[in-house]
Amino acid sequence: MLDAVRMYYQLDYSQQEIAKKLGVSRPTVSRFIQQAKEEGYVIISIVDPLENNDLLAGQIERKFGLKKVVIVNVPHYDDAVVKKYLGHAGAKYIDTIVKDGDIIAATWGTTLYEVALGLSDKHVRDVKVVQLNGGVSHSETNTYASEIITLFGKAFHTTPYFIPMPAIFDHAVVKKTIETDRHINNILELGKKANIAVVTVGTPTEDSVLIKANYFNEEELKMIFEKGAGDICSRYFNIDGVIVSEELDQRTIGISLDDLKQKEQSILIAGGIRKVDGIYGALRGKYTNVLITDQFTAKYLMERNLNR
């Protein structure tokens, strides 16, 4: 097998030439090459001259006052593709920063589900994992809230803490009453104490997970569609990063965006054409200090005038 792959990759022999030299069939040579790749004897790396995004990342860091920007090259600007690439990059970044004693808090959604799926097993001590905001849906839409926190807990060998509640209540007084429960309050306080927060940005569109979860009436939906640029932790803000409805914000359970600003690592993982306004609004509001995004979104953020 090794003789075959050396001739194929290093000496540029054809599969037919290799078969003749080794006295085997051409399909056997093809299987050798595939087996060598699968078993790690052959590692193929592609050097993309466009993949050096350090300069652009540095420019975005300075423009928005961020600690760190990671730019991921995606092959095309399709939402599903972008989420998979960002999920891998987000998981890799989280793995590099988590250390003993950290408290990791995460929100939910399809992007963060890709992140959670990509997390590697890491042996750290005394790490805690907690849900940042409620995620129980009023419809059949899956928010992936429990799956994400479970996978985070599994990766870092800890029992996760959940907020077994909807993200948004019908009345602020109901939310305030529930927050006084000792067990719920302890989980919410743990989210505030977390030094690492992992979030994404939602879109104010009919197919977003939060809107499909059936939290809003028609009047609220109209307001969100007209004014909202995006949401983080189920809290909607406009293109300038300003909360669009204080009343709606007061009915939302979980970490406030002001508390999110205080984190040592507040990591926003988001990209794709439908999320550019939400990401821009989040950065204008200074809700996060780390951004992981794709190269197309990064160029948009850099080119957009802060004064619009």
Protein backbone atom coordinates (compact mmCIF):
# COMPACT_ATOMS: atom_id res chain seq x y z
CA MET A 1 0.00 0.00 0.00
CA LEU A 2 2.77 2.45 0.94
CA ASP A 3 4.72 1.63 -2.24
CA ALA A 4 1.58 2.36 -4.24
CA VAL A 5 0.88 5.74 -2.63
CA ARG A 6 4.54 6.82 -2.87
CA MET A 7 4.49 6.16 -6.60
CA TYR A 8 1.12 7.84 -7.00
CA TYR A 9 1.71 11.02 -4.96
CA GLN A 10 5.50 11.47 -5.03
CA LEU A 11 6.47 10.07 -8.44
CA ASP A 12 3.29 10.95 -10.37
CA TYR A 13 2.76 7.42 -11.70
CA SER A 14 -0.69 6.60 -13.03
CA GLN A 15 -2.74 3.92 -11.31
CA GLN A 16 -2.31 1.66 -14.34
CA GLU A 17 1.50 2.07 -14.22
CA ILE A 18 1.54 1.28 -10.51
CA ALA A 19 -0.61 -1.82 -11.06
CA LYS A 20 1.84 -3.09 -13.68
CA LYS A 21 4.88 -2.48 -11.46
CA LEU A 22 3.34 -4.12 -8.39
CA GLY A 23 1.67 -6.96 -10.30
CA VAL A 24 -1.83 -6.15 -9.05
CA SER A 25 -5.03 -4.90 -10.69
CA ARG A 26 -5.79 -1.20 -11.15
CA PRO A 27 -8.85 -1.39 -8.80
CA THR A 28 -6.52 -2.80 -6.13
CA VAL A 29 -4.25 0.24 -6.52
CA SER A 30 -7.30 2.51 -6.21
CA ARG A 31 -8.29 0.74 -2.98
CA PHE A 32 -4.72 1.13 -1.66
CA ILE A 33 -4.86 4.89 -2.25
CA GLN A 34 -8.27 5.24 -0.57
CA GLN A 35 -7.23 3.04 2.37
CA ALA A 36 -4.04 5.06 2.90
CA LYS A 37 -6.08 8.26 3.17
CA GLU A 38 -8.65 6.72 5.51
CA GLU A 39 -6.00 5.30 7.84
CA GLY A 40 -3.98 8.50 7.98
CA TYR A 41 -0.91 7.35 6.02
CA VAL A 42 -1.65 10.04 3.44
CA ILE A 43 -2.70 13.54 4.54
CA ILE A 44 -3.75 15.97 1.82
CA SER A 45 -3.59 19.69 2.56
CA ILE A 46 -4.74 22.44 0.23
CA VAL A 47 -2.91 25.77 0.41
CA ASP A 48 -5.46 28.49 -0.35
CA PRO A 49 -3.77 31.86 -1.01
CA LEU A 50 -7.01 33.59 0.00
CA GLU A 51 -7.13 31.89 3.38
CA ASN A 52 -4.70 34.26 5.06
CA ASN A 53 -7.27 36.54 6.63
CA ASP A 54 -5.05 37.93 9.41
CA LEU A 55 -4.98 41.45 7.96
CA LEU A 56 -8.76 41.66 7.58
CA ALA A 57 -9.28 40.16 11.05
CA GLY A 58 -6.98 42.79 12.57
CA GLN A 59 -8.84 45.59 10.79
CA ILE A 60 -12.21 44.37 12.12
CA GLU A 61 -10.77 44.03 15.64
CA ARG A 62 -9.68 47.66 15.58
CA LYS A 63 -12.87 48.93 13.93
CA PHE A 64 -15.20 47.36 16.49
CA GLY A 65 -12.87 47.17 19.52
CA LEU A 66 -12.80 43.37 19.64
CA LYS A 67 -10.31 41.12 21.42
CA LYS A 68 -10.21 38.53 18.67
CA VAL A 69 -11.64 37.91 15.20
CA VAL A 70 -11.44 34.53 13.47
CA ILE A 71 -12.31 34.49 9.77
CA VAL A 72 -13.25 31.18 8.15
CA ASN A 73 -13.09 30.65 4.39
CA VAL A 74 -16.28 28.98 3.17
CA PRO A 75 -16.63 27.61 -0.40
CA HIS A 76 -19.96 29.40 -1.02
CA TYR A 77 -22.39 31.64 0.83
CA ASP A 78 -25.06 29.05 1.60
CA ASP A 79 -26.48 29.14 5.16
CA ALA A 80 -26.09 25.42 5.83
CA VAL A 81 -22.51 25.39 4.53
CA VAL A 82 -21.56 28.52 6.49
CA LYS A 83 -22.97 27.05 9.72
CA LYS A 84 -20.98 23.83 9.33
CA TYR A 85 -17.71 25.66 8.72
CA LEU A 86 -18.34 28.11 11.56
CA GLY A 87 -19.32 25.23 13.83
CA HIS A 88 -15.97 23.56 13.24
CA ALA A 89 -14.02 26.81 13.73
CA GLY A 90 -16.02 27.75 16.82
CA ALA A 91 -15.46 24.37 18.43
CA LYS A 92 -11.74 24.59 17.71
CA TYR A 93 -11.48 28.07 19.25
CA ILE A 94 -13.40 27.07 22.37
CA ASP A 95 -11.15 24.05 22.81
CA THR A 96 -8.07 26.31 22.81
CA ILE A 97 -9.34 28.69 25.51
CA VAL A 98 -11.12 26.44 28.04
CA LYS A 99 -9.09 25.81 31.17
CA ASP A 100 -9.58 24.43 34.68
CA GLY A 101 -12.22 26.26 36.70
CA ASP A 102 -13.96 27.99 33.78
CA ILE A 103 -17.72 28.54 33.70
CA ILE A 104 -18.98 28.19 30.13
CA ALA A 105 -22.42 29.53 29.25
CA ALA A 106 -24.11 28.98 25.89
CA THR A 107 -27.31 29.94 24.17
CA TRP A 108 -29.05 27.85 21.50
CA GLY A 109 -29.89 27.63 17.78
CA THR A 110 -28.72 25.73 14.71
CA THR A 111 -25.32 27.43 14.47
CA LEU A 112 -24.42 26.58 18.05
CA TYR A 113 -25.66 23.04 17.52
CA GLU A 114 -22.98 22.70 14.82
CA VAL A 115 -20.44 24.10 17.30
CA ALA A 116 -21.52 21.61 19.96
CA LEU A 117 -21.29 18.71 17.51
CA GLY A 118 -17.72 19.70 16.67
CA LEU A 119 -16.41 19.93 20.24
CA SER A 120 -13.52 17.64 21.09
CA ASP A 121 -13.15 15.78 24.36
CA LYS A 122 -10.97 17.85 26.70
CA HIS A 123 -9.85 16.81 30.16
CA VAL A 124 -10.23 19.86 32.39
CA ARG A 125 -11.09 20.12 36.07
CA ASP A 126 -13.89 21.96 37.85
CA VAL A 127 -15.46 23.33 34.65
CA LYS A 128 -19.16 24.21 34.74
CA VAL A 129 -21.51 24.46 31.76
CA VAL A 130 -24.77 26.41 31.94
CA GLN A 131 -27.57 27.45 29.60
CA LEU A 132 -27.70 31.23 29.05
CA ASN A 133 -31.40 31.65 28.29
CA GLY A 134 -34.64 29.72 28.16
CA GLY A 135 -35.18 27.54 25.13
CA VAL A 136 -38.38 25.52 25.49
CA SER A 137 -40.42 26.01 22.32
CA HIS A 138 -44.20 26.57 22.21
CA SER A 139 -44.28 24.73 18.88
CA GLU A 140 -42.69 21.61 17.39
CA THR A 141 -39.64 23.66 16.37
CA ASN A 142 -36.45 22.30 17.93
CA THR A 143 -34.28 24.99 19.52
CA TYR A 144 -31.52 22.42 20.24
CA ALA A 145 -31.18 24.03 23.69
CA SER A 146 -30.84 20.82 25.71
CA GLU A 147 -28.75 19.03 23.06
CA ILE A 148 -26.22 21.87 22.90
CA ILE A 149 -25.70 22.13 26.64
CA THR A 150 -25.54 18.33 26.95
CA LEU A 151 -22.81 18.14 24.29
CA PHE A 152 -20.85 20.96 25.94
CA GLY A 153 -21.06 19.13 29.26
CA LYS A 154 -19.93 15.88 27.66
CA ALA A 155 -16.93 17.53 25.97
CA PHE A 156 -15.68 19.05 29.22
CA HIS A 157 -16.66 16.17 31.54
CA THR A 158 -19.17 18.03 33.65
CA THR A 159 -22.87 17.90 34.46
CA PRO A 160 -24.62 20.79 32.68
CA TYR A 161 -27.14 23.20 34.18
CA PHE A 162 -30.34 23.82 32.20
CA ILE A 163 -33.00 26.55 32.20
CA PRO A 164 -36.10 24.38 31.64
CA MET A 165 -38.22 27.37 30.63
CA PRO A 166 -39.46 29.14 27.51
CA ALA A 167 -37.24 31.99 26.34
CA ILE A 168 -40.00 34.60 26.57
CA PHE A 169 -43.05 34.74 28.85
CA ASP A 170 -46.41 36.32 28.06
CA HIS A 171 -46.17 38.63 31.08
CA ALA A 172 -43.16 40.22 32.80
CA VAL A 173 -44.66 39.55 36.24
CA VAL A 174 -44.72 35.80 35.52
CA LYS A 175 -41.05 35.85 34.52
CA LYS A 176 -40.09 37.82 37.65
CA THR A 177 -42.00 35.40 39.86
CA ILE A 178 -40.27 32.37 38.31
CA GLU A 179 -36.86 34.03 38.71
CA THR A 180 -37.41 34.12 42.48
CA ASP A 181 -37.45 30.32 42.61
CA ARG A 182 -34.24 29.29 44.40
CA HIS A 183 -33.20 26.65 41.85
CA ILE A 184 -33.90 28.82 38.78
CA ASN A 185 -32.19 31.80 40.41
CA ASN A 186 -29.06 29.74 41.11
CA ILE A 187 -28.81 28.75 37.44
CA LEU A 188 -29.35 32.34 36.27
CA GLU A 189 -26.66 33.56 38.67
CA LEU A 190 -24.27 30.92 37.35
CA GLY A 191 -24.86 32.28 33.85
CA LYS A 192 -23.97 35.78 35.09
CA LYS A 193 -20.78 34.47 36.72
CA ALA A 194 -19.65 32.61 33.59
CA ASN A 195 -16.35 33.90 32.22
CA ILE A 196 -16.96 32.35 28.78
CA ALA A 197 -20.20 32.96 26.87
CA VAL A 198 -20.88 31.35 23.49
CA VAL A 199 -23.66 32.96 21.47
CA THR A 200 -24.96 33.36 17.95
CA VAL A 201 -27.27 35.91 16.38
CA GLY A 202 -30.77 35.15 15.20
CA THR A 203 -32.58 36.76 12.27
CA PRO A 204 -35.91 38.61 12.34
CA THR A 205 -37.40 36.39 9.64
CA GLU A 206 -40.33 33.99 9.58
CA ASP A 207 -38.08 30.93 9.32
CA SER A 208 -35.87 31.81 12.32
CA VAL A 209 -35.89 29.30 15.18
CA LEU A 210 -37.00 31.91 17.74
CA ILE A 211 -39.94 33.16 15.66
CA LYS A 212 -40.99 29.62 14.65
CA ALA A 213 -40.97 28.73 18.36
CA ASN A 214 -44.23 30.75 18.57
CA TYR A 215 -43.37 33.23 21.32
CA PHE A 216 -44.87 36.35 19.70
CA ASN A 217 -48.28 37.72 18.78
CA GLU A 218 -48.95 39.47 15.45
CA GLU A 219 -48.28 42.97 16.79
CA GLU A 220 -44.95 41.91 18.27
CA LEU A 221 -43.95 40.16 15.05
CA LYS A 222 -44.72 43.31 13.05
CA MET A 223 -42.49 45.34 15.35
CA ILE A 224 -39.66 42.78 15.18
CA PHE A 225 -39.80 42.60 11.37
CA GLU A 226 -39.79 46.39 11.05
CA LYS A 227 -37.16 47.32 13.66
CA GLY A 228 -35.11 44.23 14.47
CA ALA A 229 -31.69 43.56 12.98
CA GLY A 230 -31.14 40.40 15.03
CA ASP A 231 -31.30 38.84 18.45
CA ILE A 232 -28.83 37.42 20.95
CA CYS A 233 -30.14 35.31 23.83
CA SER A 234 -33.68 36.01 22.52
CA ARG A 235 -33.27 39.78 22.97
CA TYR A 236 -33.92 41.78 19.79
CA PHE A 237 -31.89 44.87 18.88
CA ASN A 238 -31.76 47.18 15.88
CA ILE A 239 -28.94 47.91 13.43
CA ASP A 240 -27.31 50.22 15.98
CA GLY A 241 -27.40 47.59 18.72
CA VAL A 242 -30.27 49.19 20.67
CA ILE A 243 -32.95 46.94 22.22
CA VAL A 244 -36.11 47.30 20.10
CA SER A 245 -38.64 46.75 22.90
CA GLU A 246 -38.02 47.18 26.63
CA GLU A 247 -41.35 45.51 27.37
CA LEU A 248 -40.37 42.41 25.39
CA ASP A 249 -36.91 42.45 26.94
CA GLN A 250 -38.42 42.41 30.44
CA ARG A 251 -40.37 39.26 29.57
CA THR A 252 -37.23 37.41 28.41
CA ILE A 253 -35.55 35.03 30.84
CA GLY A 254 -31.79 34.59 30.93
CA ILE A 255 -28.72 36.78 30.77
CA SER A 256 -29.15 40.44 29.82
CA LEU A 257 -27.10 41.89 26.98
CA ASP A 258 -25.49 44.32 29.44
CA ASP A 259 -24.26 41.36 31.51
CA LEU A 260 -23.03 39.68 28.33
CA LYS A 261 -20.75 42.68 27.71
CA GLN A 262 -18.86 41.98 30.93
CA LYS A 263 -17.59 38.51 30.02
CA GLU A 264 -13.89 37.73 29.73
CA GLN A 265 -14.74 35.87 26.50
CA SER A 266 -18.06 36.76 24.91
CA ILE A 267 -17.88 34.76 21.66
CA LEU A 268 -20.22 35.51 18.77
CA ILE A 269 -20.29 32.73 16.16
CA ALA A 270 -22.35 33.77 13.16
CA GLY A 271 -22.24 34.31 9.42
CA GLY A 272 -24.22 34.14 6.22
CA ILE A 273 -26.00 36.74 4.14
CA ARG A 274 -29.15 36.81 6.29
CA LYS A 275 -27.24 37.49 9.49
CA VAL A 276 -25.00 40.36 8.41
CA ASP A 277 -27.26 43.09 9.86
CA GLY A 278 -27.64 41.20 13.13
CA ILE A 279 -23.89 40.72 13.46
CA TYR A 280 -23.30 44.38 12.64
CA GLY A 281 -25.89 45.46 15.23
CA ALA A 282 -24.35 43.16 17.86
CA LEU A 283 -20.91 44.65 17.26
CA ARG A 284 -22.31 48.19 17.35
CA GLY A 285 -23.89 47.35 20.70
CA LYS A 286 -20.55 45.91 21.89
CA TYR A 287 -22.31 42.83 23.26
CA THR A 288 -19.43 40.51 22.34
CA ASN A 289 -15.64 40.78 22.24
CA VAL A 290 -14.79 37.77 20.04
CA LEU A 291 -16.18 37.20 16.55
CA ILE A 292 -15.98 34.02 14.47
CA THR A 293 -17.42 34.55 10.99
CA ASP A 294 -16.95 33.79 7.29
CA GLN A 295 -14.87 35.77 4.79
CA PHE A 296 -17.87 37.26 2.96
CA THR A 297 -19.46 38.61 6.14
CA ALA A 298 -16.07 39.87 7.32
CA LYS A 299 -15.61 41.93 4.15
CA TYR A 300 -19.12 43.39 4.55
CA LEU A 301 -18.39 44.39 8.15
CA MET A 302 -15.13 46.03 7.17
CA GLU A 303 -16.59 47.95 4.26
CA ARG A 304 -19.71 49.19 6.05
CA ASN A 305 -19.46 52.75 7.32
CA LEU A 306 -20.00 52.99 11.07
CA ASN A 307 -21.95 56.20 10.48
CA ARG A 308 -24.01 54.50 7.77
